[in-house]
PDB file of N, CA and C in Angstrom:
ATOM      1  N   UNK A   1      63.172 317.486 309.792  1.00  0.00           N
ATOM      2  CA  UNK A   1      63.565 318.231 308.786  1.00  0.00           C
ATOM      3  C   UNK A   1      62.464 318.848 308.240  1.00  0.00           C
ATOM      4  N   UNK A   2      62.088 319.399 307.992  1.00  0.00           N
ATOM      5  CA  UNK A   2      61.219 320.478 307.502  1.00  0.00           C
ATOM      6  C   UNK A   2      61.378 320.943 305.963  1.00  0.00           C
ATOM      7  N   UNK A   3      59.776 320.415 305.160  1.00  0.00           N
ATOM      8  CA  UNK A   3      60.200 320.427 303.833  1.00  0.00           C
ATOM      9  C   UNK A   3      60.804 321.954 303.508  1.00  0.00           C
ATOM     10  N   UNK A   4      61.224 322.180 302.537  1.00  0.00           N
ATOM     11  CA  UNK A   4      61.588 323.250 301.861  1.00  0.00           C
ATOM     12  C   UNK A   4      60.442 324.099 300.856  1.00  0.00           C
ATOM     13  N   UNK A   5      60.386 325.200 300.382  1.00  0.00           N
ATOM     14  CA  UNK A   5      59.997 325.400 299.116  1.00  0.00           C
ATOM     15  C   UNK A   5      60.343 324.627 297.740  1.00  0.00           C
ATOM     16  N   UNK A   6      61.335 323.876 297.888  1.00  0.00           N
ATOM     17  CA  UNK A   6      61.707 323.631 296.376  1.00  0.00           C
ATOM     18  C   UNK A   6      61.240 322.308 296.617  1.00  0.00           C
ATOM     19  N   UNK A   7      61.286 321.462 297.920  1.00  0.00           N
ATOM     20  CA  UNK A   7      60.882 319.930 298.185  1.00  0.00           C
ATOM     21  C   UNK A   7      59.372 320.204 297.764  1.00  0.00           C
ATOM     22  N   UNK A   8      58.472 320.991 298.183  1.00  0.00           N
ATOM     23  CA  UNK A   8      57.160 321.668 297.824  1.00  0.00           C
ATOM     24  C   UNK A   8      56.600 321.390 296.424  1.00  0.00           C
ATOM     25  N   UNK A   9      57.452 322.234 295.606  1.00  0.00           N
ATOM     26  CA  UNK A   9      56.954 322.219 294.829  1.00  0.00           C
ATOM     27  C   UNK A   9      57.551 320.784 293.433  1.00  0.00           C
ATOM     28  N   UNK A  10      58.560 320.515 294.078  1.00  0.00           N
ATOM     29  CA  UNK A  10      59.037 319.128 293.220  1.00  0.00           C
ATOM     30  C   UNK A  10      58.020 318.540 293.888  1.00  0.00           C
ATOM     31  N   UNK A  11      57.252 318.117 295.099  1.00  0.00           N
ATOM     32  CA  UNK A  11      56.186 317.215 295.370  1.00  0.00           C
ATOM     33  C   UNK A  11      55.037 317.523 294.514  1.00  0.00           C
ATOM     34  N   UNK A  12      54.594 318.798 294.457  1.00  0.00           N
ATOM     35  CA  UNK A  12      53.227 319.171 293.777  1.00  0.00           C
ATOM     36  C   UNK A  12      53.599 318.945 291.939  1.00  0.00           C
ATOM     37  N   UNK A  13      54.873 318.770 291.745  1.00  0.00           N
ATOM     38  CA  UNK A  13      55.262 318.454 290.394  1.00  0.00           C
ATOM     39  C   UNK A  13      54.857 317.136 289.916  1.00  0.00           C
ATOM     40  N   UNK A  14      55.284 316.191 291.008  1.00  0.00           N
ATOM     41  CA  UNK A  14      55.093 314.718 290.818  1.00  0.00           C
ATOM     42  C   UNK A  14      53.911 314.630 290.805  1.00  0.00           C
ATOM     43  N   UNK A  15      52.725 315.205 291.914  1.00  0.00           N
ATOM     44  CA  UNK A  15      51.547 314.617 292.232  1.00  0.00           C
ATOM     45  C   UNK A  15      50.978 315.409 290.341  1.00  0.00           C
ATOM     46  N   UNK A  16      50.893 316.559 289.989  1.00  0.00           N
ATOM     47  CA  UNK A  16      50.581 316.446 288.873  1.00  0.00           C
ATOM     48  C   UNK A  16      51.020 315.971 287.647  1.00  0.00           C
ATOM     49  N   UNK A  17      52.147 315.220 287.824  1.00  0.00           N
ATOM     50  CA  UNK A  17      52.401 314.804 286.487  1.00  0.00           C
ATOM     51  C   UNK A  17      51.732 313.308 286.893  1.00  0.00           C
ATOM     52  N   UNK A  18      51.638 312.531 288.167  1.00  0.00           N
ATOM     53  CA  UNK A  18      50.994 311.623 288.058  1.00  0.00           C
ATOM     54  C   UNK A  18      49.520 311.786 287.636  1.00  0.00           C
ATOM     55  N   UNK A  19      49.060 313.200 287.835  1.00  0.00           N
ATOM     56  CA  UNK A  19      47.358 313.241 287.717  1.00  0.00           C
ATOM     57  C   UNK A  19      47.056 313.383 286.317  1.00  0.00           C
ATOM     58  N   UNK A  20      47.941 314.127 285.208  1.00  0.00           N
ATOM     59  CA  UNK A  20      48.242 314.046 283.954  1.00  0.00           C
ATOM     60  C   UNK A  20      48.355 312.428 283.410  1.00  0.00           C
ATOM     61  N   UNK A  21      48.974 312.108 283.490  1.00  0.00           N
ATOM     62  CA  UNK A  21      49.107 310.205 283.515  1.00  0.00           C
ATOM     63  C   UNK A  21      47.596 309.746 283.648  1.00  0.00           C
ATOM     64  N   UNK A  22      47.508 309.815 284.811  1.00  0.00           N
ATOM     65  CA  UNK A  22      46.071 308.988 285.318  1.00  0.00           C
ATOM     66  C   UNK A  22      44.982 309.845 284.628  1.00  0.00           C
ATOM     67  N   UNK A  23      44.558 311.378 284.002  1.00  0.00           N
ATOM     68  CA  UNK A  23      43.903 311.400 283.736  1.00  0.00           C
ATOM     69  C   UNK A  23      44.027 310.977 281.887  1.00  0.00           C
ATOM     70  N   UNK A  24      45.109 311.099 281.429  1.00  0.00           N
ATOM     71  CA  UNK A  24      45.727 310.462 280.179  1.00  0.00           C
ATOM     72  C   UNK A  24      44.573 308.783 280.680  1.00  0.00           C
ATOM     73  N   UNK A  25      45.110 308.277 281.000  1.00  0.00           N
ATOM     74  CA  UNK A  25      44.550 306.730 281.144  1.00  0.00           C
ATOM     75  C   UNK A  25      42.908 306.834 281.575  1.00  0.00           C
ATOM     76  N   UNK A  26      42.228 307.417 282.404  1.00  0.00           N
ATOM     77  CA  UNK A  26      40.737 307.699 282.421  1.00  0.00           C
ATOM     78  C   UNK A  26      40.463 308.097 281.041  1.00  0.00           C
ATOM     79  N   UNK A  27      40.919 309.536 280.336  1.00  0.00           N
ATOM     80  CA  UNK A  27      40.466 309.278 279.061  1.00  0.00           C
ATOM     81  C   UNK A  27      40.399 308.135 278.162  1.00  0.00           C
ATOM     82  N   UNK A  28      41.833 307.837 278.261  1.00  0.00           N
ATOM     83  CA  UNK A  28      41.437 306.588 276.964  1.00  0.00           C
ATOM     84  C   UNK A  28      40.489 305.318 277.301  1.00  0.00           C
ATOM     85  N   UNK A  29      40.153 305.364 278.638  1.00  0.00           N
ATOM     86  CA  UNK A  29      39.419 304.422 278.982  1.00  0.00           C
ATOM     87  C   UNK A  29      38.180 305.077 278.550  1.00  0.00           C
ATOM     88  N   UNK A  30      37.845 306.046 279.059  1.00  0.00           N
ATOM     89  CA  UNK A  30      36.368 306.602 278.241  1.00  0.00           C
ATOM     90  C   UNK A  30      36.102 306.780 277.228  1.00  0.00           C
ATOM     91  N   UNK A  31      37.235 306.789 276.227  1.00  0.00           N
ATOM     92  CA  UNK A  31      36.948 306.895 275.009  1.00  0.00           C
ATOM     93  C   UNK A  31      37.060 305.612 274.693  1.00  0.00           C
ATOM     94  N   UNK A  32      37.505 304.250 274.972  1.00  0.00           N
ATOM     95  CA  UNK A  32      37.579 302.804 274.692  1.00  0.00           C
ATOM     96  C   UNK A  32      35.962 302.437 274.812  1.00  0.00           C
ATOM     97  N   UNK A  33      35.324 302.951 276.193  1.00  0.00           N
ATOM     98  CA  UNK A  33      33.766 302.500 276.779  1.00  0.00           C
ATOM     99  C   UNK A  33      33.216 303.305 275.617  1.00  0.00           C
ATOM    100  N   UNK A  34      33.177 304.223 275.186  1.00  0.00           N
ATOM    101  CA  UNK A  34      32.367 305.335 274.793  1.00  0.00           C
ATOM    102  C   UNK A  34      32.253 304.674 273.242  1.00  0.00           C
ATOM    103  N   UNK A  35      33.398 304.349 272.991  1.00  0.00           N
ATOM    104  CA  UNK A  35      33.014 303.513 271.518  1.00  0.00           C
ATOM    105  C   UNK A  35      32.334 302.233 271.391  1.00  0.00           C
ATOM    106  N   UNK A  36      32.888 301.518 272.609  1.00  0.00           N
ATOM    107  CA  UNK A  36      32.184 300.382 272.793  1.00  0.00           C
ATOM    108  C   UNK A  36      30.340 300.485 273.083  1.00  0.00           C
ATOM    109  N   UNK A  37      30.148 301.348 273.294  1.00  0.00           N
ATOM    110  CA  UNK A  37      28.703 301.740 273.708  1.00  0.00           C
ATOM    111  C   UNK A  37      28.317 302.248 273.000  1.00  0.00           C
ATOM    112  N   UNK A  38      29.300 302.917 271.914  1.00  0.00           N
ATOM    113  CA  UNK A  38      28.407 303.070 270.725  1.00  0.00           C
ATOM    114  C   UNK A  38      27.993 302.237 269.494  1.00  0.00           C
ATOM    115  N   UNK A  39      28.848 301.169 269.521  1.00  0.00           N
ATOM    116  CA  UNK A  39      29.200 300.044 268.584  1.00  0.00           C
ATOM    117  C   UNK A  39      27.769 299.199 269.119  1.00  0.00           C
ATOM    118  N   UNK A  40      27.746 299.029 270.654  1.00  0.00           N
ATOM    119  CA  UNK A  40      26.460 297.777 270.812  1.00  0.00           C
ATOM    120  C   UNK A  40      25.560 298.840 271.139  1.00  0.00           C
ATOM    121  N   UNK A  41      25.154 300.006 271.214  1.00  0.00           N
ATOM    122  CA  UNK A  41      23.932 300.629 271.823  1.00  0.00           C
ATOM    123  C   UNK A  41      23.428 301.740 270.274  1.00  0.00           C
ATOM    124  N   UNK A  42      24.432 302.489 270.561  1.00  0.00           N
ATOM    125  CA  UNK A  42      24.087 303.691 269.272  1.00  0.00           C
ATOM    126  C   UNK A  42      23.631 303.004 268.263  1.00  0.00           C
ATOM    127  N   UNK A  43      24.775 302.741 267.405  1.00  0.00           N
ATOM    128  CA  UNK A  43      25.102 302.100 266.280  1.00  0.00           C
ATOM    129  C   UNK A  43      23.446 301.360 265.730  1.00  0.00           C
ATOM    130  N   UNK A  44      23.340 300.346 266.723  1.00  0.00           N
ATOM    131  CA  UNK A  44      22.311 299.481 266.304  1.00  0.00           C
ATOM    132  C   UNK A  44      21.489 300.641 266.452  1.00  0.00           C
ATOM    133  N   UNK A  45      20.721 301.225 267.201  1.00  0.00           N
ATOM    134  CA  UNK A  45      19.742 301.632 267.007  1.00  0.00           C
ATOM    135  C   UNK A  45      19.456 302.656 266.196  1.00  0.00           C
ATOM    136  N   UNK A  46      20.646 303.361 265.963  1.00  0.00           N
ATOM    137  CA  UNK A  46      20.641 304.184 264.471  1.00  0.00           C
ATOM    138  C   UNK A  46      20.168 303.569 263.355  1.00  0.00           C
ATOM    139  N   UNK A  47      21.275 301.820 262.855  1.00  0.00           N
ATOM    140  CA  UNK A  47      20.523 301.316 261.838  1.00  0.00           C
ATOM    141  C   UNK A  47      19.230 301.024 261.889  1.00  0.00           C
ATOM    142  N   UNK A  48      18.203 300.386 263.150  1.00  0.00           N
ATOM    143  CA  UNK A  48      17.031 300.277 263.164  1.00  0.00           C
ATOM    144  C   UNK A  48      15.850 300.924 262.718  1.00  0.00           C
ATOM    145  N   UNK A  49      16.579 302.732 263.267  1.00  0.00           N
ATOM    146  CA  UNK A  49      15.618 303.435 262.648  1.00  0.00           C
ATOM    147  C   UNK A  49      15.589 303.330 261.493  1.00  0.00           C
ATOM    148  N   UNK A  50      17.249 303.512 260.311  1.00  0.00           N
ATOM    149  CA  UNK A  50      17.419 303.660 258.869  1.00  0.00           C
ATOM    150  C   UNK A  50      16.673 302.742 258.346  1.00  0.00           C
ATOM    151  N   UNK A  51      16.366 301.457 259.281  1.00  0.00           N
ATOM    152  CA  UNK A  51      15.421 300.389 258.362  1.00  0.00           C
ATOM    153  C   UNK A  51      14.443 300.878 258.199  1.00  0.00           C
ATOM    154  N   UNK A  52      13.602 301.298 259.806  1.00  0.00           N
ATOM    155  CA  UNK A  52      12.185 301.560 259.649  1.00  0.00           C
ATOM    156  C   UNK A  52      12.107 302.414 258.887  1.00  0.00           C
ATOM    157  N   UNK A  53      12.839 303.694 258.656  1.00  0.00           N
ATOM    158  CA  UNK A  53      12.579 304.823 257.274  1.00  0.00           C
ATOM    159  C   UNK A  53      12.767 303.842 256.468  1.00  0.00           C
ATOM    160  N   UNK A  54      13.399 303.551 255.760  1.00  0.00           N
ATOM    161  CA  UNK A  54      13.879 302.622 254.297  1.00  0.00           C
ATOM    162  C   UNK A  54      12.261 302.055 253.721  1.00  0.00           C
ATOM    163  N   UNK A  55      11.896 300.940 254.874  1.00  0.00           N
ATOM    164  CA  UNK A  55      10.689 300.438 254.991  1.00  0.00           C
ATOM    165  C   UNK A  55       9.712 300.973 254.604  1.00  0.00           C
ATOM    166  N   UNK A  56       9.382 302.196 255.417  1.00  0.00           N
ATOM    167  CA  UNK A  56       8.041 303.416 255.337  1.00  0.00           C
ATOM    168  C   UNK A  56       8.570 303.874 253.957  1.00  0.00           C
ATOM    169  N   UNK A  57       9.701 304.746 253.907  1.00  0.00           N
ATOM    170  CA  UNK A  57       9.769 305.430 252.448  1.00  0.00           C
ATOM    171  C   UNK A  57       9.365 304.456 250.988  1.00  0.00           C
ATOM    172  N   UNK A  58       9.614 302.838 251.170  1.00  0.00           N
ATOM    173  CA  UNK A  58       9.288 301.922 250.441  1.00  0.00           C
ATOM    174  C   UNK A  58       7.901 301.870 249.801  1.00  0.00           C
ATOM    175  N   UNK A  59       7.426 302.024 251.147  1.00  0.00           N
ATOM    176  CA  UNK A  59       5.743 301.537 251.190  1.00  0.00           C
ATOM    177  C   UNK A  59       4.994 303.066 250.627  1.00  0.00           C
ATOM    178  N   UNK A  60       5.915 304.230 250.750  1.00  0.00           N
ATOM    179  CA  UNK A  60       5.194 305.389 250.541  1.00  0.00           C
ATOM    180  C   UNK A  60       5.239 305.562 248.894  1.00  0.00           C
ATOM    181  N   UNK A  61       6.653 305.020 248.246  1.00  0.00           N
ATOM    182  CA  UNK A  61       6.558 305.233 246.812  1.00  0.00           C
ATOM    183  C   UNK A  61       5.564 304.005 246.340  1.00  0.00           C
ATOM    184  N   UNK A  62       5.399 302.694 246.504  1.00  0.00           N
ATOM    185  CA  UNK A  62       4.297 301.810 246.269  1.00  0.00           C
ATOM    186  C   UNK A  62       2.937 302.801 246.081  1.00  0.00           C
ATOM    187  N   UNK A  63       2.372 303.489 247.374  1.00  0.00           N
ATOM    188  CA  UNK A  63       0.951 304.162 246.993  1.00  0.00           C
ATOM    189  C   UNK A  63       1.472 305.228 246.246  1.00  0.00           C
ATOM    190  N   UNK A  64       2.439 305.868 246.536  1.00  0.00           N
ATOM    191  CA  UNK A  64       2.669 306.724 245.116  1.00  0.00           C
ATOM    192  C   UNK A  64       2.901 306.423 243.731  1.00  0.00           C
ATOM    193  N   UNK A  65       3.151 305.192 243.677  1.00  0.00           N
ATOM    194  CA  UNK A  65       3.185 304.784 242.123  1.00  0.00           C
ATOM    195  C   UNK A  65       1.686 304.454 241.715  1.00  0.00           C
ATOM    196  N   UNK A  66       0.918 303.592 242.798  1.00  0.00           N
ATOM    197  CA  UNK A  66      -0.484 303.441 242.349  1.00  0.00           C
ATOM    198  C   UNK A  66      -1.187 304.471 241.962  1.00  0.00           C
ATOM    199  N   UNK A  67      -1.018 305.626 243.111  1.00  0.00           N
ATOM    200  CA  UNK A  67      -1.944 306.743 242.727  1.00  0.00           C
ATOM    201  C   UNK A  67      -1.588 307.229 241.324  1.00  0.00           C
ATOM    202  N   UNK A  68      -0.319 307.853 241.292  1.00  0.00           N
ATOM    203  CA  UNK A  68       0.485 308.058 239.589  1.00  0.00           C
ATOM    204  C   UNK A  68      -0.407 307.139 238.413  1.00  0.00           C
ATOM    205  N   UNK A  69      -0.528 306.120 238.829  1.00  0.00           N
ATOM    206  CA  UNK A  69      -0.998 305.050 237.883  1.00  0.00           C
ATOM    207  C   UNK A  69      -1.866 305.487 237.391  1.00  0.00           C
ATOM    208  N   UNK A  70      -3.448 305.677 238.678  1.00  0.00           N
ATOM    209  CA  UNK A  70      -4.571 305.929 238.545  1.00  0.00           C
ATOM    210  C   UNK A  70      -5.235 307.482 238.008  1.00  0.00           C
ATOM    211  N   UNK A  71      -4.087 308.187 238.155  1.00  0.00           N
ATOM    212  CA  UNK A  71      -3.841 309.322 237.480  1.00  0.00           C
ATOM    213  C   UNK A  71      -3.962 309.483 236.184  1.00  0.00           C
ATOM    214  N   UNK A  72      -2.859 308.544 235.723  1.00  0.00           N
ATOM    215  CA  UNK A  72      -2.621 308.326 234.262  1.00  0.00           C
ATOM    216  C   UNK A  72      -3.751 307.803 233.544  1.00  0.00           C
ATOM    217  N   UNK A  73      -4.304 306.682 234.238  1.00  0.00           N
ATOM    218  CA  UNK A  73      -5.730 305.877 233.580  1.00  0.00           C
ATOM    219  C   UNK A  73      -6.732 306.983 233.738  1.00  0.00           C
ATOM    220  N   UNK A  74      -6.809 307.747 234.449  1.00  0.00           N
ATOM    221  CA  UNK A  74      -7.925 308.928 234.246  1.00  0.00           C
ATOM    222  C   UNK A  74      -7.619 310.222 233.398  1.00  0.00           C
ATOM    223  N   UNK A  75      -6.226 310.424 233.277  1.00  0.00           N
ATOM    224  CA  UNK A  75      -6.257 311.164 231.919  1.00  0.00           C
ATOM    225  C   UNK A  75      -6.483 310.723 230.906  1.00  0.00           C
ATOM    226  N   UNK A  76      -5.680 309.277 230.956  1.00  0.00           N
ATOM    227  CA  UNK A  76      -6.436 308.567 229.021  1.00  0.00           C
ATOM    228  C   UNK A  76      -7.596 308.981 228.794  1.00  0.00           C
ATOM    229  N   UNK A  77      -8.835 308.464 229.869  1.00  0.00           N
ATOM    230  CA  UNK A  77      -9.761 308.309 229.929  1.00  0.00           C
ATOM    231  C   UNK A  77     -10.402 309.710 229.618  1.00  0.00           C
ATOM    232  N   UNK A  78     -10.380 310.766 230.201  1.00  0.00           N
ATOM    233  CA  UNK A  78     -10.581 312.105 229.722  1.00  0.00           C
ATOM    234  C   UNK A  78     -10.461 312.331 228.401  1.00  0.00           C
ATOM    235  N   UNK A  79      -8.937 311.927 228.311  1.00  0.00           N
ATOM    236  CA  UNK A  79      -8.344 312.559 226.671  1.00  0.00           C
ATOM    237  C   UNK A  79      -9.181 311.652 225.764  1.00  0.00           C
ATOM    238  N   UNK A  80      -9.414 310.490 226.228  1.00  0.00           N
ATOM    239  CA  UNK A  80     -10.485 309.972 224.673  1.00  0.00           C
ATOM    240  C   UNK A  80     -11.850 310.555 224.571  1.00  0.00           C
ATOM    241  N   UNK A  81     -12.391 310.798 226.345  1.00  0.00           N
ATOM    242  CA  UNK A  81     -13.402 311.315 226.121  1.00  0.00           C
ATOM    243  C   UNK A  81     -13.855 312.897 225.332  1.00  0.00           C
ATOM    244  N   UNK A  82     -13.110 313.222 225.527  1.00  0.00           N
ATOM    245  CA  UNK A  82     -12.837 314.732 224.795  1.00  0.00           C
ATOM    246  C   UNK A  82     -12.834 314.605 223.261  1.00  0.00           C
ATOM    247  N   UNK A  83     -11.618 313.474 222.817  1.00  0.00           N
ATOM    248  CA  UNK A  83     -11.607 313.360 221.496  1.00  0.00           C
ATOM    249  C   UNK A  83     -12.924 312.644 221.168  1.00  0.00           C
ATOM    250  N   UNK A  84     -13.579 312.431 221.508  1.00  0.00           N
ATOM    251  CA  UNK A  84     -14.681 311.467 221.098  1.00  0.00           C
ATOM    252  C   UNK A  84     -15.945 313.288 220.991  1.00  0.00           C
ATOM    253  N   UNK A  85     -16.054 313.654 222.067  1.00  0.00           N
ATOM    254  CA  UNK A  85     -16.413 314.662 222.051  1.00  0.00           C
ATOM    255  C   UNK A  85     -16.515 315.827 221.123  1.00  0.00           C
ATOM    256  N   UNK A  86     -15.233 316.167 220.626  1.00  0.00           N
ATOM    257  CA  UNK A  86     -14.710 316.731 219.664  1.00  0.00           C
ATOM    258  C   UNK A  86     -14.816 316.485 218.529  1.00  0.00           C
ATOM    259  N   UNK A  87     -14.817 315.444 218.169  1.00  0.00           N
ATOM    260  CA  UNK A  87     -14.930 314.502 217.052  1.00  0.00           C
ATOM    261  C   UNK A  87     -16.533 314.787 216.722  1.00  0.00           C
ATOM    262  N   UNK A  88     -17.941 314.042 217.599  1.00  0.00           N
ATOM    263  CA  UNK A  88     -18.874 314.163 217.182  1.00  0.00           C
ATOM    264  C   UNK A  88     -19.796 316.121 217.473  1.00  0.00           C
ATOM    265  N   UNK A  89     -18.740 317.086 217.913  1.00  0.00           N
ATOM    266  CA  UNK A  89     -19.007 318.722 217.445  1.00  0.00           C
ATOM    267  C   UNK A  89     -18.276 319.104 216.246  1.00  0.00           C
ATOM    268  N   UNK A  90     -17.519 318.351 215.697  1.00  0.00           N
ATOM    269  CA  UNK A  90     -16.913 318.304 214.574  1.00  0.00           C
ATOM    270  C   UNK A  90     -17.885 317.891 213.515  1.00  0.00           C
ATOM    271  N   UNK A  91     -18.487 317.064 213.819  1.00  0.00           N
ATOM    272  CA  UNK A  91     -19.332 316.630 212.585  1.00  0.00           C
ATOM    273  C   UNK A  91     -20.891 317.359 212.349  1.00  0.00           C
ATOM    274  N   UNK A  92     -21.154 317.973 213.913  1.00  0.00           N
ATOM    275  CA  UNK A  92     -22.356 318.646 214.084  1.00  0.00           C
ATOM    276  C   UNK A  92     -22.387 319.829 213.108  1.00  0.00           C
ATOM    277  N   UNK A  93     -20.520 320.607 213.195  1.00  0.00           N
ATOM    278  CA  UNK A  93     -20.400 321.681 212.768  1.00  0.00           C
ATOM    279  C   UNK A  93     -20.371 321.796 211.215  1.00  0.00           C
ATOM    280  N   UNK A  94     -19.927 320.745 210.824  1.00  0.00           N
ATOM    281  CA  UNK A  94     -19.745 320.325 209.343  1.00  0.00           C
ATOM    282  C   UNK A  94     -21.598 319.779 208.726  1.00  0.00           C
ATOM    283  N   UNK A  95     -22.150 319.503 209.681  1.00  0.00           N
ATOM    284  CA  UNK A  95     -23.751 319.156 209.217  1.00  0.00           C
ATOM    285  C   UNK A  95     -24.284 320.786 208.972  1.00  0.00           C
ATOM    286  N   UNK A  96     -23.967 321.302 209.795  1.00  0.00           N
ATOM    287  CA  UNK A  96     -24.975 322.799 209.794  1.00  0.00           C
ATOM    288  C   UNK A  96     -24.200 323.964 208.874  1.00  0.00           C
ATOM    289  N   UNK A  97     -22.492 323.552 208.766  1.00  0.00           N
ATOM    290  CA  UNK A  97     -21.868 324.101 207.440  1.00  0.00           C
ATOM    291  C   UNK A  97     -22.957 323.764 206.153  1.00  0.00           C
ATOM    292  N   UNK A  98     -23.164 322.677 205.527  1.00  0.00           N
ATOM    293  CA  UNK A  98     -23.449 322.339 204.993  1.00  0.00           C
ATOM    294  C   UNK A  98     -24.893 322.980 204.466  1.00  0.00           C
ATOM    295  N   UNK A  99     -25.982 322.775 205.352  1.00  0.00           N
ATOM    296  CA  UNK A  99     -27.489 323.471 205.663  1.00  0.00           C
ATOM    297  C   UNK A  99     -26.869 325.381 205.250  1.00  0.00           C
ATOM    298  N   UNK A 100     -26.351 325.937 205.950  1.00  0.00           N
ATOM    299  CA  UNK A 100     -26.111 326.996 205.622  1.00  0.00           C
ATOM    300  C   UNK A 100     -26.055 327.731 204.215  1.00  0.00           C
ATOM    301  N   UNK A 101     -24.657 326.892 203.740  1.00  0.00           N
ATOM    302  CA  UNK A 101     -24.348 326.488 202.304  1.00  0.00           C
ATOM    303  C   UNK A 101     -25.912 326.389 201.116  1.00  0.00           C
ATOM    304  N   UNK A 102     -26.514 325.572 201.680  1.00  0.00           N
ATOM    305  CA  UNK A 102     -27.324 325.320 201.007  1.00  0.00           C
ATOM    306  C   UNK A 102     -28.520 326.490 200.995  1.00  0.00           C
ATOM    307  N   UNK A 103     -28.967 327.097 202.324  1.00  0.00           N
ATOM    308  CA  UNK A 103     -29.741 327.801 202.634  1.00  0.00           C
ATOM    309  C   UNK A 103     -29.501 328.786 201.818  1.00  0.00           C
ATOM    310  N   UNK A 104     -27.776 329.694 201.718  1.00  0.00           N
ATOM    311  CA  UNK A 104     -27.245 330.683 200.957  1.00  0.00           C
ATOM    312  C   UNK A 104     -27.900 330.451 199.754  1.00  0.00           C
ATOM    313  N   UNK A 105     -27.340 329.052 198.932  1.00  0.00           N
ATOM    314  CA  UNK A 105     -27.738 328.737 197.946  1.00  0.00           C
ATOM    315  C   UNK A 105     -29.266 329.459 197.415  1.00  0.00           C
ATOM    316  N   UNK A 106     -30.444 328.710 197.966  1.00  0.00           N
ATOM    317  CA  UNK A 106     -31.122 329.149 197.788  1.00  0.00           C
ATOM    318  C   UNK A 106     -32.031 330.376 198.188  1.00  0.00           C
ATOM    319  N   UNK A 107     -31.203 331.603 198.937  1.00  0.00           N
ATOM    320  CA  UNK A 107     -31.521 332.633 199.092  1.00  0.00           C
ATOM    321  C   UNK A 107     -31.332 333.518 198.041  1.00  0.00           C
ATOM    322  N   UNK A 108     -30.263 333.271 197.386  1.00  0.00           N
ATOM    323  CA  UNK A 108     -29.327 333.632 196.071  1.00  0.00           C
ATOM    324  C   UNK A 108     -30.141 333.630 195.312  1.00  0.00           C
ATOM    325  N   UNK A 109     -30.424 332.525 195.143  1.00  0.00           N
ATOM    326  CA  UNK A 109     -31.497 331.885 193.918  1.00  0.00           C
ATOM    327  C   UNK A 109     -32.809 332.477 193.637  1.00  0.00           C
ATOM    328  N   UNK A 110     -33.552 332.605 194.729  1.00  0.00           N
ATOM    329  CA  UNK A 110     -34.673 333.581 195.152  1.00  0.00           C
ATOM    330  C   UNK A 110     -34.420 335.097 194.597  1.00  0.00           C
ATOM    331  N   UNK A 111     -33.339 335.561 194.676  1.00  0.00           N
ATOM    332  CA  UNK A 111     -33.099 336.904 194.458  1.00  0.00           C
ATOM    333  C   UNK A 111     -33.311 337.297 192.986  1.00  0.00           C
TER     334      UNK A 111
END
């Protein structure tokens, strides 16, 4: 008995249906295996990298905090020195003003 076109198309549909079901099973299995791989390998690797970055950032923060404290201390010292210099020059200017006033008084009196 020879196969007709109808028989061939039915066999082809059956094969395609089985292929689709098989592909579904394969894709589900691959999805499950990929999730297991992700959980066991990739997620752990990412967690390790994140932890390393967190530790490095913490160390950087500590170093920056120390440097900021040094800058603040130096700024305080500079401001203190500047205040001292300003006070000293202010006193000197006051002394010179007194001399100028006294010299002006003498000059006016001699005229």
